[in-house]
Amino acid sequence: MRSWIISDTHFYHKKICTYDDRPVDFTDRIILNWCRLVRDEDYVYHIGDVAFAKRTLLSQVIRRLTGRKALIRGNHDNESHDWYLRNGWDAVYDEFSVSTGTHPTVILSHVPHKFMTDDTNAINIHGHFHGQQVDRLREVEPDFVDRLTDRHYLFNIMHTNLSPVLLETAISSGLVKRTLVEIGAEV
């Protein structure tokens, strides 16, 4: 079993093409890439903002996707936990911690996790920041920017050719980048 991550797919969100400079057929590309890469026995952690679609369409898309799927809910994932479980998800969380070969604690969340301890071994991989919003982040979401540390890493689907990425590869290859660097806020 392999573990993958993906975030901010925003399936069927028409305006995201403008915000993220995504191709018009981005939904089809993400589904194709996902099903090409992920085996049925693999686990995929989707770190939020799955779709802008009617329930029936969302259910159909999720059921087409291969692998065992865990949703870490984002700000646009507004259905109940039970609804997601009945419609193709294997698990639903608000945050989830996993271990990898290089990091004993990886906290997966949609928005940047607020570290409450000095556990310097823990890192946070999150989504949420993407597209043109990144340029205005301090103005739009200062609370999230203020909580960022050098242990926060941003997963941006536009850096992965609209594909899920193996979790360990994302960390070791630098596909998830320090959030402060990504948003141009590191001093």
C-alpha atoms as a PDB file:
ATOM      1  CA  MET A   1       0.000   0.000   0.000  1.00  0.00           C
ATOM      2  CA  ARG A   2       1.287   3.450  -0.945  1.00  0.00           C
ATOM      3  CA  SER A   3       0.173   6.782   0.514  1.00  0.00           C
ATOM      4  CA  TRP A   4      -0.623   9.737  -1.745  1.00  0.00           C
ATOM      5  CA  ILE A   5      -1.642  13.354  -1.150  1.00  0.00           C
ATOM      6  CA  ILE A   6      -3.662  15.771  -3.227  1.00  0.00           C
ATOM      7  CA  SER A   7      -5.394  19.032  -2.419  1.00  0.00           C
ATOM      8  CA  ASP A   8      -7.632  21.728  -3.793  1.00  0.00           C
ATOM      9  CA  THR A   9      -8.925  19.739  -6.749  1.00  0.00           C
ATOM     10  CA  HIS A  10     -11.963  22.027  -6.915  1.00  0.00           C
ATOM     11  CA  PHE A  11     -13.637  19.643  -9.385  1.00  0.00           C
ATOM     12  CA  TYR A  12     -16.063  21.506 -11.688  1.00  0.00           C
ATOM     13  CA  HIS A  13     -15.227  24.943 -10.265  1.00  0.00           C
ATOM     14  CA  LYS A  14     -15.436  27.080 -13.385  1.00  0.00           C
ATOM     15  CA  LYS A  15     -13.843  30.233 -11.957  1.00  0.00           C
ATOM     16  CA  ILE A  16     -10.773  28.351 -10.680  1.00  0.00           C
ATOM     17  CA  CYS A  17      -9.431  28.333 -14.252  1.00  0.00           C
ATOM     18  CA  THR A  18      -8.959  32.081 -13.913  1.00  0.00           C
ATOM     19  CA  TYR A  19      -7.699  32.049 -10.299  1.00  0.00           C
ATOM     20  CA  ASP A  20      -5.166  29.260 -10.821  1.00  0.00           C
ATOM     21  CA  ASP A  21      -4.555  29.492 -14.546  1.00  0.00           C
ATOM     22  CA  ARG A  22      -5.842  25.916 -14.857  1.00  0.00           C
ATOM     23  CA  PRO A  23      -6.768  24.403 -18.200  1.00  0.00           C
ATOM     24  CA  VAL A  24     -10.491  24.257 -18.949  1.00  0.00           C
ATOM     25  CA  ASP A  25     -10.437  20.441 -18.769  1.00  0.00           C
ATOM     26  CA  PHE A  26      -8.635  20.356 -15.386  1.00  0.00           C
ATOM     27  CA  THR A  27     -11.293  18.131 -13.762  1.00  0.00           C
ATOM     28  CA  ASP A  28     -10.868  15.442 -16.416  1.00  0.00           C
ATOM     29  CA  ARG A  29      -7.070  15.702 -16.208  1.00  0.00           C
ATOM     30  CA  ILE A  30      -7.020  15.299 -12.427  1.00  0.00           C
ATOM     31  CA  ILE A  31      -9.330  12.273 -12.590  1.00  0.00           C
ATOM     32  CA  LEU A  32      -7.250  10.691 -15.366  1.00  0.00           C
ATOM     33  CA  ASN A  33      -3.959  11.293 -13.520  1.00  0.00           C
ATOM     34  CA  TRP A  34      -5.410  10.000 -10.242  1.00  0.00           C
ATOM     35  CA  CYS A  35      -6.753   6.785 -11.796  1.00  0.00           C
ATOM     36  CA  ARG A  36      -3.523   6.231 -13.777  1.00  0.00           C
ATOM     37  CA  LEU A  37      -1.287   6.520 -10.696  1.00  0.00           C
ATOM     38  CA  VAL A  38      -3.279   5.242  -7.718  1.00  0.00           C
ATOM     39  CA  ARG A  39      -3.870   1.510  -7.261  1.00  0.00           C
ATOM     40  CA  ASP A  40      -6.976   0.182  -5.542  1.00  0.00           C
ATOM     41  CA  GLU A  41      -4.987  -0.836  -2.447  1.00  0.00           C
ATOM     42  CA  ASP A  42      -3.314   2.599  -2.131  1.00  0.00           C
ATOM     43  CA  TYR A  43      -4.445   5.290   0.278  1.00  0.00           C
ATOM     44  CA  VAL A  44      -5.068   8.869  -0.878  1.00  0.00           C
ATOM     45  CA  TYR A  45      -5.228  11.765   1.565  1.00  0.00           C
ATOM     46  CA  HIS A  46      -7.162  14.617  -0.026  1.00  0.00           C
ATOM     47  CA  ILE A  47      -6.360  17.711   2.024  1.00  0.00           C
ATOM     48  CA  GLY A  48      -9.483  19.630   1.232  1.00  0.00           C
ATOM     49  CA  ASP A  49     -11.618  21.547  -1.227  1.00  0.00           C
ATOM     50  CA  VAL A  50     -12.742  18.631  -3.362  1.00  0.00           C
ATOM     51  CA  ALA A  51     -15.373  20.163  -5.637  1.00  0.00           C
ATOM     52  CA  PHE A  52     -17.818  22.854  -6.567  1.00  0.00           C
ATOM     53  CA  ALA A  53     -20.530  20.538  -7.828  1.00  0.00           C
ATOM     54  CA  LYS A  54     -23.979  19.228  -7.085  1.00  0.00           C
ATOM     55  CA  ARG A  55     -24.081  16.319  -4.675  1.00  0.00           C
ATOM     56  CA  THR A  56     -24.929  13.739  -7.344  1.00  0.00           C
ATOM     57  CA  LEU A  57     -22.071  14.816  -9.588  1.00  0.00           C
ATOM     58  CA  LEU A  58     -19.618  14.926  -6.674  1.00  0.00           C
ATOM     59  CA  SER A  59     -20.681  11.423  -5.613  1.00  0.00           C
ATOM     60  CA  GLN A  60     -20.159  10.092  -9.150  1.00  0.00           C
ATOM     61  CA  VAL A  61     -16.677  11.607  -9.401  1.00  0.00           C
ATOM     62  CA  ILE A  62     -15.510  10.311  -6.015  1.00  0.00           C
ATOM     63  CA  ARG A  63     -16.743   6.797  -6.767  1.00  0.00           C
ATOM     64  CA  ARG A  64     -14.711   6.800 -10.023  1.00  0.00           C
ATOM     65  CA  LEU A  65     -11.451   7.593  -8.232  1.00  0.00           C
ATOM     66  CA  THR A  66      -9.194   4.641  -7.427  1.00  0.00           C
ATOM     67  CA  GLY A  67      -7.722   3.810  -4.047  1.00  0.00           C
ATOM     68  CA  ARG A  68      -8.943   4.169  -0.512  1.00  0.00           C
ATOM     69  CA  LYS A  69      -9.791   7.816   0.030  1.00  0.00           C
ATOM     70  CA  ALA A  70      -9.496   9.930   3.164  1.00  0.00           C
ATOM     71  CA  LEU A  71     -10.837  13.467   3.105  1.00  0.00           C
ATOM     72  CA  ILE A  72      -9.288  16.061   5.361  1.00  0.00           C
ATOM     73  CA  ARG A  73     -12.046  18.624   5.063  1.00  0.00           C
ATOM     74  CA  GLY A  74     -11.417  22.040   3.588  1.00  0.00           C
ATOM     75  CA  ASN A  75     -13.379  25.251   3.846  1.00  0.00           C
ATOM     76  CA  HIS A  76     -15.479  24.285   0.788  1.00  0.00           C
ATOM     77  CA  ASP A  77     -16.267  20.716   1.934  1.00  0.00           C
ATOM     78  CA  ASN A  78     -19.613  21.486   3.532  1.00  0.00           C
ATOM     79  CA  GLU A  79     -21.440  18.171   3.549  1.00  0.00           C
ATOM     80  CA  SER A  80     -21.678  16.124   6.752  1.00  0.00           C
ATOM     81  CA  HIS A  81     -19.094  13.476   7.613  1.00  0.00           C
ATOM     82  CA  ASP A  82     -21.789  10.829   7.085  1.00  0.00           C
ATOM     83  CA  TRP A  83     -22.642  12.137   3.623  1.00  0.00           C
ATOM     84  CA  TYR A  84     -19.009  11.857   2.518  1.00  0.00           C
ATOM     85  CA  LEU A  85     -18.755   8.330   3.958  1.00  0.00           C
ATOM     86  CA  ARG A  86     -21.911   7.251   2.114  1.00  0.00           C
ATOM     87  CA  ASN A  87     -20.637   8.735  -1.147  1.00  0.00           C
ATOM     88  CA  GLY A  88     -17.236   7.232  -1.811  1.00  0.00           C
ATOM     89  CA  TRP A  89     -14.922   8.333   0.996  1.00  0.00           C
ATOM     90  CA  ASP A  90     -13.396   5.752   3.327  1.00  0.00           C
ATOM     91  CA  ALA A  91     -12.628   8.244   6.095  1.00  0.00           C
ATOM     92  CA  VAL A  92     -13.270  11.915   6.888  1.00  0.00           C
ATOM     93  CA  TYR A  93     -11.179  14.074   9.219  1.00  0.00           C
ATOM     94  CA  ASP A  94     -10.636  17.705  10.103  1.00  0.00           C
ATOM     95  CA  GLU A  95      -6.904  17.001  10.553  1.00  0.00           C
ATOM     96  CA  PHE A  96      -4.928  13.787  10.407  1.00  0.00           C
ATOM     97  CA  SER A  97      -1.446  12.770  11.545  1.00  0.00           C
ATOM     98  CA  VAL A  98       0.707  10.197   9.758  1.00  0.00           C
ATOM     99  CA  SER A  99       4.302   9.044  10.067  1.00  0.00           C
ATOM    100  CA  THR A 100       6.763   8.756   7.225  1.00  0.00           C
ATOM    101  CA  GLY A 101      10.283   7.398   6.990  1.00  0.00           C
ATOM    102  CA  THR A 102      11.713  10.896   7.280  1.00  0.00           C
ATOM    103  CA  HIS A 103       9.214  12.524   9.655  1.00  0.00           C
ATOM    104  CA  PRO A 104       7.677  10.863  12.711  1.00  0.00           C
ATOM    105  CA  THR A 105       4.725  13.268  12.711  1.00  0.00           C
ATOM    106  CA  VAL A 106       3.183  14.791   9.583  1.00  0.00           C
ATOM    107  CA  ILE A 107      -0.010  16.700  10.304  1.00  0.00           C
ATOM    108  CA  LEU A 108      -2.243  16.897   7.245  1.00  0.00           C
ATOM    109  CA  SER A 109      -4.730  19.762   7.240  1.00  0.00           C
ATOM    110  CA  HIS A 110      -6.413  22.010   4.742  1.00  0.00           C
ATOM    111  CA  VAL A 111      -5.445  25.319   6.331  1.00  0.00           C
ATOM    112  CA  PRO A 112      -2.139  25.783   8.161  1.00  0.00           C
ATOM    113  CA  HIS A 113      -2.157  23.918  11.472  1.00  0.00           C
ATOM    114  CA  LYS A 114      -1.668  26.008  14.598  1.00  0.00           C
ATOM    115  CA  PHE A 115       1.189  24.315  16.444  1.00  0.00           C
ATOM    116  CA  MET A 116       0.373  24.231  20.150  1.00  0.00           C
ATOM    117  CA  THR A 117       3.530  22.466  21.305  1.00  0.00           C
ATOM    118  CA  ASP A 118       7.230  22.783  20.750  1.00  0.00           C
ATOM    119  CA  ASP A 119       7.413  19.368  19.049  1.00  0.00           C
ATOM    120  CA  THR A 120      10.029  20.394  16.508  1.00  0.00           C
ATOM    121  CA  ASN A 121       9.841  16.996  14.799  1.00  0.00           C
ATOM    122  CA  ALA A 122       6.280  17.599  13.604  1.00  0.00           C
ATOM    123  CA  ILE A 123       5.589  19.210  10.254  1.00  0.00           C
ATOM    124  CA  ASN A 124       2.323  20.340   8.696  1.00  0.00           C
ATOM    125  CA  ILE A 125       1.425  19.759   5.065  1.00  0.00           C
ATOM    126  CA  HIS A 126      -1.559  21.869   4.069  1.00  0.00           C
ATOM    127  CA  GLY A 127      -3.289  23.243   1.003  1.00  0.00           C
ATOM    128  CA  HIS A 128      -5.674  26.192   0.798  1.00  0.00           C
ATOM    129  CA  PHE A 129      -3.217  28.769  -0.632  1.00  0.00           C
ATOM    130  CA  HIS A 130      -3.202  28.766  -4.413  1.00  0.00           C
ATOM    131  CA  GLY A 131      -3.633  30.951  -7.439  1.00  0.00           C
ATOM    132  CA  GLN A 132      -3.823  34.714  -7.382  1.00  0.00           C
ATOM    133  CA  GLN A 133      -4.845  34.670  -3.730  1.00  0.00           C
ATOM    134  CA  VAL A 134      -1.227  33.997  -2.732  1.00  0.00           C
ATOM    135  CA  ASP A 135      -0.208  37.494  -3.841  1.00  0.00           C
ATOM    136  CA  ARG A 136      -2.756  39.047  -1.463  1.00  0.00           C
ATOM    137  CA  LEU A 137      -2.547  36.551   1.379  1.00  0.00           C
ATOM    138  CA  ARG A 138      -1.544  38.938   4.165  1.00  0.00           C
ATOM    139  CA  GLU A 139      -4.487  41.116   3.265  1.00  0.00           C
ATOM    140  CA  VAL A 140      -7.018  38.291   2.735  1.00  0.00           C
ATOM    141  CA  GLU A 141      -6.122  35.825   5.523  1.00  0.00           C
ATOM    142  CA  PRO A 142      -3.680  37.405   7.990  1.00  0.00           C
ATOM    143  CA  ASP A 143      -4.565  34.929  10.781  1.00  0.00           C
ATOM    144  CA  PHE A 144      -3.286  32.021   8.695  1.00  0.00           C
ATOM    145  CA  VAL A 145      -0.141  33.890   7.649  1.00  0.00           C
ATOM    146  CA  ASP A 146       0.613  34.803  11.275  1.00  0.00           C
ATOM    147  CA  ARG A 147       0.615  31.138  12.346  1.00  0.00           C
ATOM    148  CA  LEU A 148       3.126  30.039   9.683  1.00  0.00           C
ATOM    149  CA  THR A 149       6.486  28.670  10.799  1.00  0.00           C
ATOM    150  CA  ASP A 150       9.349  26.887   9.068  1.00  0.00           C
ATOM    151  CA  ARG A 151       7.477  23.621   9.808  1.00  0.00           C
ATOM    152  CA  HIS A 152       4.562  24.451   7.469  1.00  0.00           C
ATOM    153  CA  TYR A 153       4.659  23.048   3.942  1.00  0.00           C
ATOM    154  CA  LEU A 154       2.280  23.971   1.147  1.00  0.00           C
ATOM    155  CA  PHE A 155       0.926  21.381  -1.273  1.00  0.00           C
ATOM    156  CA  ASN A 156      -0.158  23.069  -4.505  1.00  0.00           C
ATOM    157  CA  ILE A 157      -1.717  20.880  -7.196  1.00  0.00           C
ATOM    158  CA  MET A 158      -0.473  23.273  -9.864  1.00  0.00           C
ATOM    159  CA  HIS A 159       3.114  22.222  -8.991  1.00  0.00           C
ATOM    160  CA  THR A 160       2.306  18.534  -9.511  1.00  0.00           C
ATOM    161  CA  ASN A 161       0.888  18.529 -13.041  1.00  0.00           C
ATOM    162  CA  LEU A 162      -2.650  18.160 -11.621  1.00  0.00           C
ATOM    163  CA  SER A 163      -1.756  14.821 -10.040  1.00  0.00           C
ATOM    164  CA  PRO A 164      -1.669  13.183  -6.645  1.00  0.00           C
ATOM    165  CA  VAL A 165       1.860  12.664  -5.336  1.00  0.00           C
ATOM    166  CA  LEU A 166       3.306   9.964  -3.123  1.00  0.00           C
ATOM    167  CA  LEU A 167       3.508  11.448   0.365  1.00  0.00           C
ATOM    168  CA  GLU A 168       7.115  10.451   0.978  1.00  0.00           C
ATOM    169  CA  THR A 169       8.158  11.691  -2.482  1.00  0.00           C
ATOM    170  CA  ALA A 170       6.392  15.007  -1.947  1.00  0.00           C
ATOM    171  CA  ILE A 171       8.441  15.578   1.191  1.00  0.00           C
ATOM    172  CA  SER A 172      11.810  14.240   0.031  1.00  0.00           C
ATOM    173  CA  SER A 173      11.731  15.787  -3.453  1.00  0.00           C
ATOM    174  CA  GLY A 174      10.624  19.239  -2.363  1.00  0.00           C
ATOM    175  CA  LEU A 175       7.246  19.142  -4.116  1.00  0.00           C
ATOM    176  CA  VAL A 176       5.795  20.455  -0.889  1.00  0.00           C
ATOM    177  CA  LYS A 177       7.651  23.668  -0.202  1.00  0.00           C
ATOM    178  CA  ARG A 178       7.998  25.742   2.907  1.00  0.00           C
ATOM    179  CA  THR A 179       4.891  27.848   2.972  1.00  0.00           C
ATOM    180  CA  LEU A 180       6.679  31.025   4.015  1.00  0.00           C
ATOM    181  CA  VAL A 181       8.936  30.721   0.954  1.00  0.00           C
ATOM    182  CA  GLU A 182       6.023  29.892  -1.364  1.00  0.00           C
ATOM    183  CA  ILE A 183       4.038  32.955  -0.354  1.00  0.00           C
ATOM    184  CA  GLY A 184       7.085  35.217  -0.367  1.00  0.00           C
ATOM    185  CA  ALA A 185       6.906  35.936   3.366  1.00  0.00           C
ATOM    186  CA  GLU A 186      10.141  34.356   4.596  1.00  0.00           C
ATOM    187  CA  VAL A 187      12.634  36.809   5.988  1.00  0.00           C
END
